[in-house]
N, C-alpha and C. Protein backbone atom coordinates (compact mmCIF):
# COMPACT_ATOMS: atom_id res chain seq x y z
N UNK A 1 89.51 14.66 34.76
CA UNK A 1 89.05 13.45 35.35
C UNK A 1 90.18 12.44 35.54
N UNK A 2 90.29 11.91 36.72
CA UNK A 2 91.35 10.98 36.88
C UNK A 2 91.24 9.65 36.10
N UNK A 3 92.36 9.04 35.89
CA UNK A 3 92.30 7.74 35.12
C UNK A 3 91.54 6.65 35.81
N UNK A 4 90.74 5.82 35.15
CA UNK A 4 89.98 4.88 35.56
C UNK A 4 90.13 3.58 34.71
N UNK A 5 90.34 2.42 35.31
CA UNK A 5 90.57 1.11 34.58
C UNK A 5 89.35 0.79 33.88
N UNK A 6 89.33 0.38 32.62
CA UNK A 6 88.12 0.12 31.82
C UNK A 6 87.47 -1.05 32.50
N UNK A 7 88.18 -2.05 32.97
CA UNK A 7 87.39 -3.19 33.46
C UNK A 7 86.48 -2.91 34.63
N UNK A 8 86.86 -1.77 35.40
CA UNK A 8 86.01 -1.35 36.57
C UNK A 8 84.83 -0.63 36.15
N UNK A 9 84.76 -0.25 34.87
CA UNK A 9 83.49 0.34 34.30
C UNK A 9 82.44 -0.51 33.80
N UNK A 10 82.80 -1.81 33.35
CA UNK A 10 81.89 -2.74 32.75
C UNK A 10 80.79 -3.00 33.77
N UNK A 11 79.54 -2.99 33.42
CA UNK A 11 78.30 -3.31 34.29
C UNK A 11 78.10 -2.25 35.20
N UNK A 12 78.72 -1.06 35.11
CA UNK A 12 78.47 -0.01 36.01
C UNK A 12 77.19 0.73 35.42
N UNK A 13 76.36 1.27 36.45
CA UNK A 13 75.18 1.90 36.07
C UNK A 13 75.46 3.26 35.36
N UNK A 14 74.68 3.62 34.40
CA UNK A 14 74.86 4.90 33.65
C UNK A 14 73.62 5.72 33.77
N UNK A 15 73.85 7.02 34.13
CA UNK A 15 72.67 7.93 34.35
C UNK A 15 72.91 9.20 33.55
N UNK A 16 71.82 9.82 33.15
CA UNK A 16 71.96 11.11 32.42
C UNK A 16 72.16 12.13 33.47
N UNK A 17 72.64 13.33 33.05
CA UNK A 17 72.85 14.45 33.92
C UNK A 17 71.60 15.04 34.41
N UNK A 18 70.45 14.48 33.94
CA UNK A 18 69.14 15.02 34.35
C UNK A 18 68.61 14.04 35.43
N UNK A 19 69.43 13.06 35.79
CA UNK A 19 69.19 11.94 36.81
C UNK A 19 68.27 10.66 36.25
N UNK A 20 68.16 10.74 34.97
CA UNK A 20 67.41 9.56 34.29
C UNK A 20 68.47 8.40 34.28
N UNK A 21 68.06 7.17 34.85
CA UNK A 21 68.83 5.98 34.86
C UNK A 21 68.59 5.38 33.30
N UNK A 22 69.80 5.33 32.65
CA UNK A 22 69.77 4.91 31.27
C UNK A 22 69.99 3.38 31.18
N UNK A 23 70.81 2.72 31.99
CA UNK A 23 71.13 1.36 31.87
C UNK A 23 72.49 1.01 32.55
N UNK A 24 73.05 -0.07 31.97
CA UNK A 24 74.45 -0.44 32.45
C UNK A 24 75.34 -0.45 31.33
N UNK A 25 76.65 0.02 31.52
CA UNK A 25 77.62 0.01 30.44
C UNK A 25 77.95 -1.41 30.06
N UNK A 26 77.90 -1.60 28.64
CA UNK A 26 78.10 -2.93 28.03
C UNK A 26 79.59 -3.08 27.54
N UNK A 27 80.07 -1.97 26.88
CA UNK A 27 81.28 -1.87 26.27
C UNK A 27 81.66 -0.38 25.91
N UNK A 28 82.86 -0.20 25.41
CA UNK A 28 83.32 1.07 24.99
C UNK A 28 83.81 0.83 23.61
N UNK A 29 83.61 1.60 22.59
CA UNK A 29 84.18 1.43 21.18
C UNK A 29 85.40 2.36 21.11
N UNK A 30 86.36 1.82 20.35
CA UNK A 30 87.45 2.70 20.08
C UNK A 30 87.95 2.41 18.72
N UNK A 31 88.97 3.30 18.33
CA UNK A 31 89.61 3.21 17.02
C UNK A 31 90.73 2.29 17.25
N UNK A 32 90.88 1.11 16.56
CA UNK A 32 91.89 0.15 16.80
C UNK A 32 93.34 0.63 16.47
N UNK A 33 93.31 1.59 15.43
CA UNK A 33 94.55 2.12 15.08
C UNK A 33 95.22 3.12 15.88
N UNK A 34 94.31 4.01 16.42
CA UNK A 34 94.85 5.15 17.28
C UNK A 34 94.60 4.91 18.76
N UNK A 35 93.70 4.05 19.11
CA UNK A 35 93.39 3.81 20.52
C UNK A 35 92.32 4.88 21.08
N UNK A 36 91.94 5.72 20.23
CA UNK A 36 91.01 6.76 20.61
C UNK A 36 89.67 6.21 20.95
N UNK A 37 89.12 6.53 22.17
CA UNK A 37 87.78 6.07 22.52
C UNK A 37 86.72 6.76 21.85
N UNK A 38 85.70 6.11 21.44
CA UNK A 38 84.57 6.71 20.74
C UNK A 38 83.24 6.84 21.55
N UNK A 39 82.69 5.74 21.81
CA UNK A 39 81.36 5.73 22.35
C UNK A 39 81.23 4.75 23.45
N UNK A 40 80.33 5.03 24.51
CA UNK A 40 79.94 4.16 25.56
C UNK A 40 78.74 3.40 24.94
N UNK A 41 78.69 2.06 25.13
CA UNK A 41 77.58 1.30 24.65
C UNK A 41 76.84 0.81 25.86
N UNK A 42 75.49 1.24 25.92
CA UNK A 42 74.76 1.09 27.27
C UNK A 42 73.69 0.00 26.91
N UNK A 43 73.50 -0.97 27.77
CA UNK A 43 72.35 -1.84 27.70
C UNK A 43 71.26 -1.10 28.47
N UNK A 44 70.07 -0.79 27.79
CA UNK A 44 69.05 0.03 28.41
C UNK A 44 68.32 -0.78 29.54
N UNK A 45 67.86 0.01 30.48
CA UNK A 45 66.94 -0.47 31.52
C UNK A 45 65.61 -0.76 30.87
N UNK A 46 64.97 -1.79 31.15
CA UNK A 46 63.64 -2.08 30.37
C UNK A 46 62.56 -1.07 30.61
N UNK A 47 62.44 -0.39 31.72
CA UNK A 47 61.34 0.41 31.99
C UNK A 47 61.71 1.80 31.29
N UNK A 48 62.91 2.07 31.06
CA UNK A 48 63.34 3.40 30.49
C UNK A 48 63.39 3.27 29.04
N UNK A 49 63.42 2.13 28.47
CA UNK A 49 63.66 2.03 27.04
C UNK A 49 62.90 2.83 26.01
N UNK A 50 61.53 2.96 26.14
CA UNK A 50 60.85 3.79 25.25
C UNK A 50 60.79 5.19 25.42
N UNK A 51 61.36 5.77 26.60
CA UNK A 51 61.39 7.08 26.96
C UNK A 51 62.65 7.84 26.66
N UNK A 52 63.62 7.35 26.26
CA UNK A 52 64.83 7.92 26.13
C UNK A 52 65.33 8.11 24.59
N UNK A 53 65.65 9.31 24.13
CA UNK A 53 65.92 9.65 22.79
C UNK A 53 67.44 9.70 22.70
N UNK A 54 68.01 8.49 22.52
CA UNK A 54 69.50 8.45 22.23
C UNK A 54 69.74 7.56 21.07
N UNK A 55 70.81 7.64 20.36
CA UNK A 55 71.22 6.77 19.30
C UNK A 55 71.41 5.37 19.75
N UNK A 56 71.06 4.41 18.93
CA UNK A 56 71.15 3.04 19.27
C UNK A 56 71.97 2.19 18.10
N UNK A 57 72.63 1.23 18.65
CA UNK A 57 73.22 0.29 17.69
C UNK A 57 72.36 -0.69 17.14
N UNK A 58 72.83 -1.57 16.31
CA UNK A 58 71.93 -2.71 15.72
C UNK A 58 71.36 -3.62 16.79
N UNK A 59 71.87 -3.67 17.96
CA UNK A 59 71.36 -4.58 19.02
C UNK A 59 70.40 -3.82 19.89
N UNK A 60 70.05 -2.50 19.76
CA UNK A 60 69.22 -1.75 20.47
C UNK A 60 69.74 -1.08 21.52
N UNK A 61 71.19 -1.21 21.83
CA UNK A 61 71.88 -0.58 22.99
C UNK A 61 72.07 0.93 22.61
N UNK A 62 72.07 1.71 23.66
CA UNK A 62 72.28 3.18 23.43
C UNK A 62 73.88 3.33 23.09
N UNK A 63 74.13 4.33 22.21
CA UNK A 63 75.61 4.68 22.04
C UNK A 63 75.68 6.11 22.52
N UNK A 64 76.59 6.49 23.25
CA UNK A 64 76.78 7.79 23.79
C UNK A 64 78.26 8.19 23.61
N UNK A 65 78.53 9.40 22.94
CA UNK A 65 79.96 9.68 22.71
C UNK A 65 80.70 9.94 24.03
N UNK A 66 81.94 9.50 23.94
CA UNK A 66 82.76 9.44 25.18
C UNK A 66 83.03 10.79 25.72
N UNK A 67 82.84 11.86 24.86
CA UNK A 67 82.98 13.22 25.23
C UNK A 67 81.92 13.70 26.16
N UNK A 68 80.75 12.91 26.21
CA UNK A 68 79.56 13.26 26.96
C UNK A 68 79.68 12.86 28.44
N UNK A 69 80.73 12.05 28.75
CA UNK A 69 80.92 11.64 30.19
C UNK A 69 81.32 12.79 31.06
N UNK A 70 80.55 13.02 32.06
CA UNK A 70 80.74 14.17 32.99
C UNK A 70 81.47 13.61 34.35
N UNK A 71 81.20 12.44 34.71
CA UNK A 71 81.75 11.90 36.05
C UNK A 71 81.67 10.41 35.99
N UNK A 72 82.65 9.82 36.73
CA UNK A 72 82.64 8.46 36.97
C UNK A 72 82.83 8.20 38.47
N UNK A 73 81.82 7.76 39.12
CA UNK A 73 81.96 7.42 40.53
C UNK A 73 81.11 6.19 40.78
N UNK A 74 80.08 6.17 41.58
CA UNK A 74 79.21 5.09 41.74
C UNK A 74 78.40 4.75 40.56
N UNK A 75 78.14 5.84 39.83
CA UNK A 75 77.50 5.78 38.44
C UNK A 75 78.47 6.40 37.47
N UNK A 76 78.23 6.16 36.16
CA UNK A 76 78.76 7.09 35.07
C UNK A 76 77.69 7.96 34.73
N UNK A 77 78.01 9.34 34.78
CA UNK A 77 77.12 10.38 34.43
C UNK A 77 77.45 10.85 33.07
N UNK A 78 76.53 10.97 32.18
CA UNK A 78 76.65 11.44 30.71
C UNK A 78 75.68 12.60 30.58
N UNK A 79 76.19 13.58 29.84
CA UNK A 79 75.34 14.81 29.48
C UNK A 79 74.22 14.43 28.63
N UNK A 80 73.02 15.05 28.75
CA UNK A 80 72.00 14.69 28.01
C UNK A 80 71.39 16.02 27.32
């Protein structure tokens, strides 16, 4: 996958590989010592919130491991 600037990803729509719209990218977590990326943090869409079985943070946002990213174009596509 080619390099993408992080700022171009914020507020980008995130979908599952099954076509489910998950929400919008809120932030990306990383290890501050190594710089290694860990998780996408996604603000859920209201209508999808109760139907999606993903891990959540303390604020109710989805957390998806960075290794699940399959594509970054008009949407960010993550494996489900």
